[in-house]
C-alpha atoms as a PDB file:
ATOM      1  CA  MET A   1      -2.055  -0.688 -32.902  1.00  0.00           C
ATOM      2  CA  SER A   2      -1.131   2.666 -34.344  1.00  0.00           C
ATOM      3  CA  ASP A   3      -2.469   4.486 -31.217  1.00  0.00           C
ATOM      4  CA  LEU A   4      -0.619   2.378 -28.794  1.00  0.00           C
ATOM      5  CA  LEU A   5       0.978   4.573 -26.280  1.00  0.00           C
ATOM      6  CA  HIS A   6       4.896   4.828 -26.649  1.00  0.00           C
ATOM      7  CA  LYS A   7       4.741   2.176 -29.266  1.00  0.00           C
ATOM      8  CA  GLU A   8       8.365   2.241 -30.457  1.00  0.00           C
ATOM      9  CA  LEU A   9       9.824   2.394 -26.881  1.00  0.00           C
ATOM     10  CA  SER A  10       7.369  -0.238 -25.708  1.00  0.00           C
ATOM     11  CA  PHE A  11       8.293  -2.599 -28.495  1.00  0.00           C
ATOM     12  CA  ILE A  12      11.889  -2.202 -27.530  1.00  0.00           C
ATOM     13  CA  VAL A  13      11.457  -2.838 -23.895  1.00  0.00           C
ATOM     14  CA  ARG A  14       9.399  -5.969 -24.240  1.00  0.00           C
ATOM     15  CA  GLY A  15      12.337  -7.252 -26.471  1.00  0.00           C
ATOM     16  CA  ILE A  16      14.370  -6.746 -23.607  1.00  0.00           C
ATOM     17  CA  LEU A  17      12.041  -8.304 -21.174  1.00  0.00           C
ATOM     18  CA  ILE A  18      11.536 -11.406 -23.336  1.00  0.00           C
ATOM     19  CA  ASP A  19      15.380 -11.744 -23.817  1.00  0.00           C
ATOM     20  CA  VAL A  20      15.904 -11.607 -20.030  1.00  0.00           C
ATOM     21  CA  TYR A  21      13.193 -13.941 -19.485  1.00  0.00           C
ATOM     22  CA  ASN A  22      14.637 -16.382 -21.900  1.00  0.00           C
ATOM     23  CA  LYS A  23      18.288 -16.042 -20.791  1.00  0.00           C
ATOM     24  CA  LEU A  24      17.490 -16.478 -16.981  1.00  0.00           C
ATOM     25  CA  GLY A  25      14.052 -18.553 -17.072  1.00  0.00           C
ATOM     26  CA  PRO A  26      11.115 -18.142 -14.358  1.00  0.00           C
ATOM     27  CA  LYS A  27      10.937 -18.253 -10.715  1.00  0.00           C
ATOM     28  CA  LEU A  28      14.235 -16.375  -9.673  1.00  0.00           C
ATOM     29  CA  PRO A  29      14.185 -13.613  -7.194  1.00  0.00           C
ATOM     30  CA  GLU A  30      13.170 -10.254  -8.543  1.00  0.00           C
ATOM     31  CA  LYS A  31      16.404  -8.553  -7.924  1.00  0.00           C
ATOM     32  CA  PHE A  32      17.955 -10.753 -10.730  1.00  0.00           C
ATOM     33  CA  TYR A  33      15.451  -9.695 -13.244  1.00  0.00           C
ATOM     34  CA  GLN A  34      15.808  -6.170 -12.244  1.00  0.00           C
ATOM     35  CA  GLN A  35      19.520  -6.187 -12.597  1.00  0.00           C
ATOM     36  CA  ALA A  36      19.375  -7.992 -16.066  1.00  0.00           C
ATOM     37  CA  VAL A  37      16.832  -5.622 -17.256  1.00  0.00           C
ATOM     38  CA  SER A  38      18.889  -2.378 -16.337  1.00  0.00           C
ATOM     39  CA  TYR A  39      21.982  -3.834 -18.614  1.00  0.00           C
ATOM     40  CA  GLY A  40      19.516  -4.412 -21.304  1.00  0.00           C
ATOM     41  CA  LEU A  41      18.119  -1.082 -21.219  1.00  0.00           C
ATOM     42  CA  ARG A  42      21.340   0.651 -20.931  1.00  0.00           C
ATOM     43  CA  GLU A  43      22.682  -1.203 -24.069  1.00  0.00           C
ATOM     44  CA  GLN A  44      19.796  -0.104 -25.874  1.00  0.00           C
ATOM     45  CA  GLY A  45      20.383   3.505 -24.682  1.00  0.00           C
ATOM     46  CA  ILE A  46      17.111   3.734 -22.839  1.00  0.00           C
ATOM     47  CA  ILE A  47      17.106   6.333 -19.914  1.00  0.00           C
ATOM     48  CA  SER A  48      16.229   4.335 -16.758  1.00  0.00           C
ATOM     49  CA  GLU A  49      16.316   4.399 -13.151  1.00  0.00           C
ATOM     50  CA  SER A  50      16.017   1.254 -10.892  1.00  0.00           C
ATOM     51  CA  GLU A  51      14.440   1.334  -7.614  1.00  0.00           C
ATOM     52  CA  LYS A  52      13.224   5.219  -8.279  1.00  0.00           C
ATOM     53  CA  GLN A  53      12.213   6.676  -4.741  1.00  0.00           C
ATOM     54  CA  PHE A  54       8.919   8.764  -4.762  1.00  0.00           C
ATOM     55  CA  TYR A  55       7.396  10.337  -1.579  1.00  0.00           C
ATOM     56  CA  VAL A  56       3.629   9.622  -0.653  1.00  0.00           C
ATOM     57  CA  LEU A  57       1.826  12.939  -0.148  1.00  0.00           C
ATOM     58  CA  TYR A  58      -1.438  12.895   1.668  1.00  0.00           C
ATOM     59  CA  ARG A  59      -3.396  15.978   2.014  1.00  0.00           C
ATOM     60  CA  ASP A  60       0.014  17.548   0.694  1.00  0.00           C
ATOM     61  CA  THR A  61       1.741  16.234   3.549  1.00  0.00           C
ATOM     62  CA  PRO A  62       4.635  13.696   3.257  1.00  0.00           C
ATOM     63  CA  ALA A  63       3.298  10.264   4.738  1.00  0.00           C
ATOM     64  CA  GLY A  64       6.333   8.291   3.808  1.00  0.00           C
ATOM     65  CA  ILE A  65       8.044   6.933   0.542  1.00  0.00           C
ATOM     66  CA  PHE A  66       7.934   3.950  -2.063  1.00  0.00           C
ATOM     67  CA  TYR A  67       9.724   2.939  -4.801  1.00  0.00           C
ATOM     68  CA  VAL A  68       9.012   1.955  -8.540  1.00  0.00           C
ATOM     69  CA  ASP A  69      11.028  -0.968  -9.983  1.00  0.00           C
ATOM     70  CA  HIS A  70      12.081   0.855 -13.078  1.00  0.00           C
ATOM     71  CA  TRP A  71      11.416   4.257 -13.971  1.00  0.00           C
ATOM     72  CA  LEU A  72      11.906   4.926 -17.844  1.00  0.00           C
ATOM     73  CA  GLU A  73      12.481   7.794 -20.166  1.00  0.00           C
ATOM     74  CA  ASN A  74      11.491  10.404 -17.430  1.00  0.00           C
ATOM     75  CA  GLY A  75       8.072   8.787 -16.875  1.00  0.00           C
ATOM     76  CA  LYS A  76       7.021   7.538 -20.137  1.00  0.00           C
ATOM     77  CA  ILE A  77       6.854   3.947 -18.640  1.00  0.00           C
ATOM     78  CA  ILE A  78       7.321   2.297 -14.929  1.00  0.00           C
ATOM     79  CA  LEU A  79       7.982  -1.253 -14.885  1.00  0.00           C
ATOM     80  CA  GLU A  80       6.756  -3.469 -12.045  1.00  0.00           C
ATOM     81  CA  PHE A  81       8.239  -6.995 -11.667  1.00  0.00           C
ATOM     82  CA  LYS A  82       6.431  -9.989 -10.140  1.00  0.00           C
ATOM     83  CA  VAL A  83       7.513 -13.468  -9.760  1.00  0.00           C
ATOM     84  CA  ALA A  84       3.910 -15.073  -9.276  1.00  0.00           C
ATOM     85  CA  PRO A  85       1.647 -17.748 -10.595  1.00  0.00           C
ATOM     86  CA  ASN A  86      -0.280 -14.918 -12.522  1.00  0.00           C
ATOM     87  CA  ILE A  87      -0.709 -11.495 -12.603  1.00  0.00           C
ATOM     88  CA  MET A  88      -3.523 -10.815 -10.106  1.00  0.00           C
ATOM     89  CA  PRO A  89      -5.853  -8.061  -9.885  1.00  0.00           C
ATOM     90  CA  ILE A  90      -3.978  -6.874  -6.667  1.00  0.00           C
ATOM     91  CA  HIS A  91      -0.816  -6.413  -8.900  1.00  0.00           C
ATOM     92  CA  GLN A  92      -2.713  -4.108 -11.272  1.00  0.00           C
ATOM     93  CA  ALA A  93      -4.275  -2.100  -8.441  1.00  0.00           C
ATOM     94  CA  GLN A  94      -1.016  -1.703  -6.784  1.00  0.00           C
ATOM     95  CA  THR A  95       0.385  -0.249 -10.233  1.00  0.00           C
ATOM     96  CA  ILE A  96      -2.642   2.087 -10.959  1.00  0.00           C
ATOM     97  CA  SER A  97      -1.617   3.548  -7.346  1.00  0.00           C
ATOM     98  CA  TYR A  98       1.835   4.208  -8.576  1.00  0.00           C
ATOM     99  CA  LEU A  99       0.668   5.825 -11.817  1.00  0.00           C
ATOM    100  CA  LYS A 100      -1.539   7.920  -9.756  1.00  0.00           C
ATOM    101  CA  LEU A 101       1.200   9.094  -7.379  1.00  0.00           C
ATOM    102  CA  THR A 102       4.071   9.522 -10.032  1.00  0.00           C
ATOM    103  CA  ASP A 103       2.039  10.838 -12.770  1.00  0.00           C
ATOM    104  CA  ALA A 104       3.792   8.357 -15.229  1.00  0.00           C
ATOM    105  CA  ASP A 105       2.377   7.832 -18.719  1.00  0.00           C
ATOM    106  CA  LEU A 106       2.074   3.911 -18.717  1.00  0.00           C
ATOM    107  CA  GLY A 107       2.723   0.947 -16.205  1.00  0.00           C
ATOM    108  CA  ILE A 108       3.727  -2.466 -17.471  1.00  0.00           C
ATOM    109  CA  ILE A 109       3.441  -5.180 -14.969  1.00  0.00           C
ATOM    110  CA  VAL A 110       6.138  -8.159 -15.841  1.00  0.00           C
ATOM    111  CA  ASN A 111       5.788 -11.479 -14.356  1.00  0.00           C
ATOM    112  CA  PHE A 112       8.565 -13.884 -14.560  1.00  0.00           C
ATOM    113  CA  GLY A 113       6.925 -16.622 -12.494  1.00  0.00           C
ATOM    114  CA  THR A 114       4.997 -18.507 -15.238  1.00  0.00           C
ATOM    115  CA  HIS A 115       6.121 -20.913 -17.991  1.00  0.00           C
ATOM    116  CA  SER A 116       6.338 -17.882 -20.636  1.00  0.00           C
ATOM    117  CA  LEU A 117       6.625 -14.164 -19.885  1.00  0.00           C
ATOM    118  CA  GLN A 118       3.516 -12.319 -18.699  1.00  0.00           C
ATOM    119  CA  ASP A 119       3.305  -8.595 -19.376  1.00  0.00           C
ATOM    120  CA  LYS A 120       0.017  -6.016 -18.905  1.00  0.00           C
ATOM    121  CA  ARG A 121      -0.154  -2.713 -19.986  1.00  0.00           C
ATOM    122  CA  LEU A 122      -1.927   0.026 -17.788  1.00  0.00           C
ATOM    123  CA  PRO A 123      -2.010   3.513 -19.364  1.00  0.00           C
ATOM    124  CA  ASN A 124      -2.540   6.174 -16.833  1.00  0.00           C
ATOM    125  CA  PHE A 125      -6.214   6.807 -17.312  1.00  0.00           C
ATOM    126  CA  ILE A 126      -6.819   8.500 -14.146  1.00  0.00           C
ATOM    127  CA  ARG A 127      -4.663  11.467 -14.792  1.00  0.00           C
ATOM    128  CA  ASN A 128      -7.469  13.599 -15.538  1.00  0.00           C
ATOM    129  CA  LYS A 129     -10.042  11.784 -14.001  1.00  0.00           C
ATOM    130  CA  LYS A 130     -11.357  13.327 -10.704  1.00  0.00           C
ATOM    131  CA  VAL A 131     -13.416  11.250  -8.339  1.00  0.00           C
ATOM    132  CA  ASN A 132     -14.692  12.848  -5.006  1.00  0.00           C
ATOM    133  CA  PHE A 133     -14.696  10.669  -2.016  1.00  0.00           C
ATOM    134  CA  LYS A 134     -18.119  10.171  -0.521  1.00  0.00           C
ATOM    135  CA  TRP A 135     -19.079   8.882   2.819  1.00  0.00           C
ATOM    136  CA  GLN A 136     -22.421   7.150   3.928  1.00  0.00           C
ATOM    137  CA  PRO A 137     -22.627   7.379   7.756  1.00  0.00           C
ATOM    138  CA  LYS A 138     -22.816   3.874   9.374  1.00  0.00           C
ATOM    139  CA  THR A 139     -25.968   3.099  11.502  1.00  0.00           C
ATOM    140  CA  PRO A 140     -24.725   2.008  15.057  1.00  0.00           C
ATOM    141  CA  THR A 141     -25.867  -1.142  16.377  1.00  0.00           C
ATOM    142  CA  VAL A 142     -27.597  -1.461  19.826  1.00  0.00           C
ATOM    143  CA  ASN A 143     -25.328  -0.583  22.670  1.00  0.00           C
ATOM    144  CA  THR A 144     -22.482   0.480  20.186  1.00  0.00           C
ATOM    145  CA  LEU A 145     -19.666   2.384  22.324  1.00  0.00           C
ATOM    146  CA  TYR A 146     -18.897   5.946  21.056  1.00  0.00           C
ATOM    147  CA  PRO A 147     -21.011   5.537  17.939  1.00  0.00           C
ATOM    148  CA  ALA A 148     -20.087   9.143  16.647  1.00  0.00           C
ATOM    149  CA  LEU A 149     -16.049   8.494  17.309  1.00  0.00           C
ATOM    150  CA  LEU A 150     -16.606   5.290  15.362  1.00  0.00           C
ATOM    151  CA  ASP A 151     -18.329   6.397  12.409  1.00  0.00           C
ATOM    152  CA  SER A 152     -15.457   9.393  12.047  1.00  0.00           C
ATOM    153  CA  LEU A 153     -12.752   6.837  12.343  1.00  0.00           C
ATOM    154  CA  PHE A 154     -14.350   4.715   9.801  1.00  0.00           C
ATOM    155  CA  GLN A 155     -14.716   7.730   7.362  1.00  0.00           C
ATOM    156  CA  ALA A 156     -11.042   8.547   7.866  1.00  0.00           C
ATOM    157  CA  LEU A 157      -9.852   4.988   7.184  1.00  0.00           C
ATOM    158  CA  TYR A 158     -11.880   4.636   3.967  1.00  0.00           C
ATOM    159  CA  ARG A 159     -10.607   7.886   2.855  1.00  0.00           C
ATOM    160  CA  VAL A 160      -7.154   7.103   3.271  1.00  0.00           C
ATOM    161  CA  HIS A 161      -7.621   3.808   1.386  1.00  0.00           C
ATOM    162  CA  PHE A 162      -9.775   5.779  -1.447  1.00  0.00           C
ATOM    163  CA  VAL A 163      -7.024   8.249  -1.906  1.00  0.00           C
ATOM    164  CA  LEU A 164      -3.833   6.267  -1.624  1.00  0.00           C
ATOM    165  CA  GLY A 165      -4.880   2.955  -3.049  1.00  0.00           C
ATOM    166  CA  ILE A 166      -3.040  -0.166  -2.373  1.00  0.00           C
ATOM    167  CA  GLY A 167       0.612  -1.441  -2.680  1.00  0.00           C
ATOM    168  CA  PHE A 168       2.454   0.440   0.166  1.00  0.00           C
ATOM    169  CA  ILE A 169       3.839  -0.492   3.607  1.00  0.00           C
ATOM    170  CA  HIS A 170       2.149  -0.178   7.007  1.00  0.00           C
ATOM    171  CA  ARG A 171       3.871   3.085   7.981  1.00  0.00           C
ATOM    172  CA  VAL A 172       2.631   5.030   5.060  1.00  0.00           C
ATOM    173  CA  TYR A 173      -0.973   4.048   5.717  1.00  0.00           C
ATOM    174  CA  ARG A 174      -0.493   4.841   9.524  1.00  0.00           C
ATOM    175  CA  GLN A 175       1.116   8.197   8.816  1.00  0.00           C
ATOM    176  CA  ALA A 176      -1.906   9.004   6.317  1.00  0.00           C
ATOM    177  CA  VAL A 177      -4.338   7.992   9.041  1.00  0.00           C
ATOM    178  CA  MET A 178      -2.955  10.027  11.516  1.00  0.00           C
ATOM    179  CA  ILE A 179      -2.820  13.161   8.937  1.00  0.00           C
ATOM    180  CA  GLU A 180      -6.390  12.433   8.208  1.00  0.00           C
ATOM    181  CA  LEU A 181      -7.448  12.426  12.050  1.00  0.00           C
ATOM    182  CA  GLN A 182      -5.598  15.970  12.466  1.00  0.00           C
ATOM    183  CA  SER A 183      -7.423  17.104   9.356  1.00  0.00           C
ATOM    184  CA  GLN A 184     -10.794  15.794  11.419  1.00  0.00           C
ATOM    185  CA  SER A 185      -9.626  17.536  14.641  1.00  0.00           C
ATOM    186  CA  ILE A 186      -9.858  14.229  15.962  1.00  0.00           C
ATOM    187  CA  GLY A 187      -7.382  13.954  19.056  1.00  0.00           C
ATOM    188  CA  TYR A 188      -4.849  10.886  19.007  1.00  0.00           C
ATOM    189  CA  GLU A 189      -1.642   9.600  20.271  1.00  0.00           C
ATOM    190  CA  TYR A 190       0.942   7.455  18.661  1.00  0.00           C
ATOM    191  CA  ILE A 191       2.096   4.969  20.793  1.00  0.00           C
ATOM    192  CA  ARG A 192       5.405   3.354  19.653  1.00  0.00           C
ATOM    193  CA  LYS A 193       6.047   1.171  22.927  1.00  0.00           C
ATOM    194  CA  ILE A 194       4.142  -0.250  26.082  1.00  0.00           C
ATOM    195  CA  ASN A 195       5.646  -1.581  29.126  1.00  0.00           C
ATOM    196  CA  LEU A 196       4.356  -5.099  29.849  1.00  0.00           C
ATOM    197  CA  PHE A 197       3.603  -6.155  33.341  1.00  0.00           C
ATOM    198  CA  TYR A 198       2.811  -9.384  35.175  1.00  0.00           C
ATOM    199  CA  LYS A 199       1.044  -8.423  38.313  1.00  0.00           C
ATOM    200  CA  THR A 200       3.059  -5.500  39.634  1.00  0.00           C
ATOM    201  CA  HIS A 201       6.433  -6.727  37.849  1.00  0.00           C
ATOM    202  CA  CYS A 202       7.468  -4.940  34.526  1.00  0.00           C
ATOM    203  CA  VAL A 203       8.715  -7.681  32.304  1.00  0.00           C
ATOM    204  CA  GLY A 204       9.980  -5.425  29.368  1.00  0.00           C
ATOM    205  CA  GLN A 205       8.935  -3.088  26.572  1.00  0.00           C
ATOM    206  CA  GLN A 206       7.252  -4.199  23.604  1.00  0.00           C
ATOM    207  CA  LYS A 207       7.055  -2.365  20.222  1.00  0.00           C
ATOM    208  CA  VAL A 208       3.298  -1.760  19.228  1.00  0.00           C
ATOM    209  CA  GLN A 209       2.863   1.160  16.666  1.00  0.00           C
ATOM    210  CA  MET A 210      -0.747   1.996  17.495  1.00  0.00           C
ATOM    211  CA  ILE A 211      -2.787   4.826  17.673  1.00  0.00           C
ATOM    212  CA  ARG A 212      -4.963   5.782  20.891  1.00  0.00           C
ATOM    213  CA  VAL A 213      -7.778   7.850  19.361  1.00  0.00           C
ATOM    214  CA  GLU A 214      -9.523  10.295  21.768  1.00  0.00           C
ATOM    215  CA  ASN A 215      -8.480   8.075  24.653  1.00  0.00           C
ATOM    216  CA  LYS A 216     -11.122   5.799  23.606  1.00  0.00           C
ATOM    217  CA  ILE A 217     -10.348   3.746  20.702  1.00  0.00           C
ATOM    218  CA  LEU A 218      -7.012   1.618  20.203  1.00  0.00           C
ATOM    219  CA  LEU A 219      -6.303   1.536  16.519  1.00  0.00           C
ATOM    220  CA  ALA A 220      -3.892  -0.794  14.502  1.00  0.00           C
ATOM    221  CA  VAL A 221      -3.160   0.282  10.908  1.00  0.00           C
ATOM    222  CA  PHE A 222      -1.300  -2.286   8.701  1.00  0.00           C
ATOM    223  CA  ALA A 223      -1.063  -3.680   5.270  1.00  0.00           C
ATOM    224  CA  MET A 224      -0.888  -7.593   5.707  1.00  0.00           C
ATOM    225  CA  GLU A 225      -1.830 -10.225   3.021  1.00  0.00           C
ATOM    226  CA  SER A 226      -4.088 -11.782   5.695  1.00  0.00           C
ATOM    227  CA  MET A 227      -5.481 -11.377   9.206  1.00  0.00           C
ATOM    228  CA  ASP A 228      -5.785 -14.079  11.841  1.00  0.00           C
ATOM    229  CA  LYS A 229      -7.703 -14.765  15.058  1.00  0.00           C
ATOM    230  CA  ILE A 230      -4.404 -14.033  16.922  1.00  0.00           C
ATOM    231  CA  MET A 231      -4.417 -10.625  15.773  1.00  0.00           C
ATOM    232  CA  GLY A 232      -7.614 -10.086  17.461  1.00  0.00           C
ATOM    233  CA  ILE A 233      -6.312 -11.679  20.739  1.00  0.00           C
ATOM    234  CA  VAL A 234      -3.314  -9.565  20.851  1.00  0.00           C
ATOM    235  CA  MET A 235      -5.352  -6.466  20.227  1.00  0.00           C
ATOM    236  CA  LYS A 236      -7.580  -7.437  23.221  1.00  0.00           C
ATOM    237  CA  THR A 237      -4.185  -7.916  25.138  1.00  0.00           C
ATOM    238  CA  ARG A 238      -3.213  -4.325  24.213  1.00  0.00           C
ATOM    239  CA  MET A 239      -6.436  -2.917  25.288  1.00  0.00           C
ATOM    240  CA  LYS A 240      -6.285  -4.322  28.710  1.00  0.00           C
ATOM    241  CA  HIS A 241      -2.812  -2.991  29.124  1.00  0.00           C
ATOM    242  CA  LEU A 242      -3.867   0.601  28.093  1.00  0.00           C
ATOM    243  CA  GLY A 243      -7.304   0.528  29.753  1.00  0.00           C
ATOM    244  CA  MET A 244      -9.277   0.673  26.447  1.00  0.00           C
ATOM    245  CA  LYS A 245     -12.714  -0.747  25.879  1.00  0.00           C
ATOM    246  CA  VAL A 246     -12.901  -0.533  21.937  1.00  0.00           C
ATOM    247  CA  GLY A 247     -10.130  -1.666  19.355  1.00  0.00           C
ATOM    248  CA  MET A 248      -9.967  -1.691  15.699  1.00  0.00           C
ATOM    249  CA  LEU A 249      -7.944  -3.650  13.201  1.00  0.00           C
ATOM    250  CA  ALA A 250      -7.557  -1.632   9.706  1.00  0.00           C
ATOM    251  CA  ASN A 251      -5.921  -3.899   6.994  1.00  0.00           C
ATOM    252  CA  PHE A 252      -5.049  -1.829   3.909  1.00  0.00           C
ATOM    253  CA  TYR A 253      -3.403  -4.674   1.907  1.00  0.00           C
ATOM    254  CA  GLY A 254      -5.969  -5.657  -0.398  1.00  0.00           C
ATOM    255  CA  GLU A 255      -8.449  -3.752  -2.919  1.00  0.00           C
ATOM    256  CA  GLN A 256     -11.096  -3.737  -0.356  1.00  0.00           C
ATOM    257  CA  LEU A 257     -10.260  -2.087   3.077  1.00  0.00           C
ATOM    258  CA  VAL A 258     -10.848  -4.788   5.848  1.00  0.00           C
ATOM    259  CA  ILE A 259     -11.644  -3.421   9.215  1.00  0.00           C
ATOM    260  CA  GLU A 260     -12.292  -5.367  12.603  1.00  0.00           C
ATOM    261  CA  THR A 261     -13.849  -3.893  15.623  1.00  0.00           C
ATOM    262  CA  VAL A 262     -12.677  -5.311  18.793  1.00  0.00           C
ATOM    263  CA  TYR A 263     -14.425  -5.461  22.090  1.00  0.00           C
END
């Protein structure tokens, strides 16, 4: 254990986390644990910042912001709190994304949702590890509309997922996708709202936040735990309103990007 990263600091922090769990018990909202840990860190003289804000940069362009639960000693450790039945692979993938973008030394996932405190250490092993994005063009099926544009769009979406990883909100991925489309010289329009009509009557405006690509494909970018059939039906309705023949639903929530094409 002599080569444990930030061994002494980690030992003190883990003692605080265990004490907070023992005093408060499991399955409370995360904000209570955050505040209690803040008090414990302060009492031990550990420099920390709760809910520290960072910018997400994609191709050196701001795509939004995100927050880490606790930022310790200028990036020696970040703490990510969960109240869940277990520490899941998606929690680890999210923390790795945060390590990559913050360049912190060590991430610790802390789960207050079980019968005893769970914690998992994730050193920043990707700091000096450069992996290039590679794309294998997809073979279009018979009668596929806009095959070249669809392939370019798939490539753009997969590259964003590859670069950013998981754990961000909808608008971060949406903005990154638009940055990627611009870098590939693919024309697009960001549609925030549409007018809804019944026959010739406008019944109101609806917020949609979709991307119309080359006036041919309607794209919805989001990060949701699951997709359902209703989302496909809603997409088809939006396509009718905007006179589009192809739609795409791109879900960035999980470790694998999920894309559904709608006709």
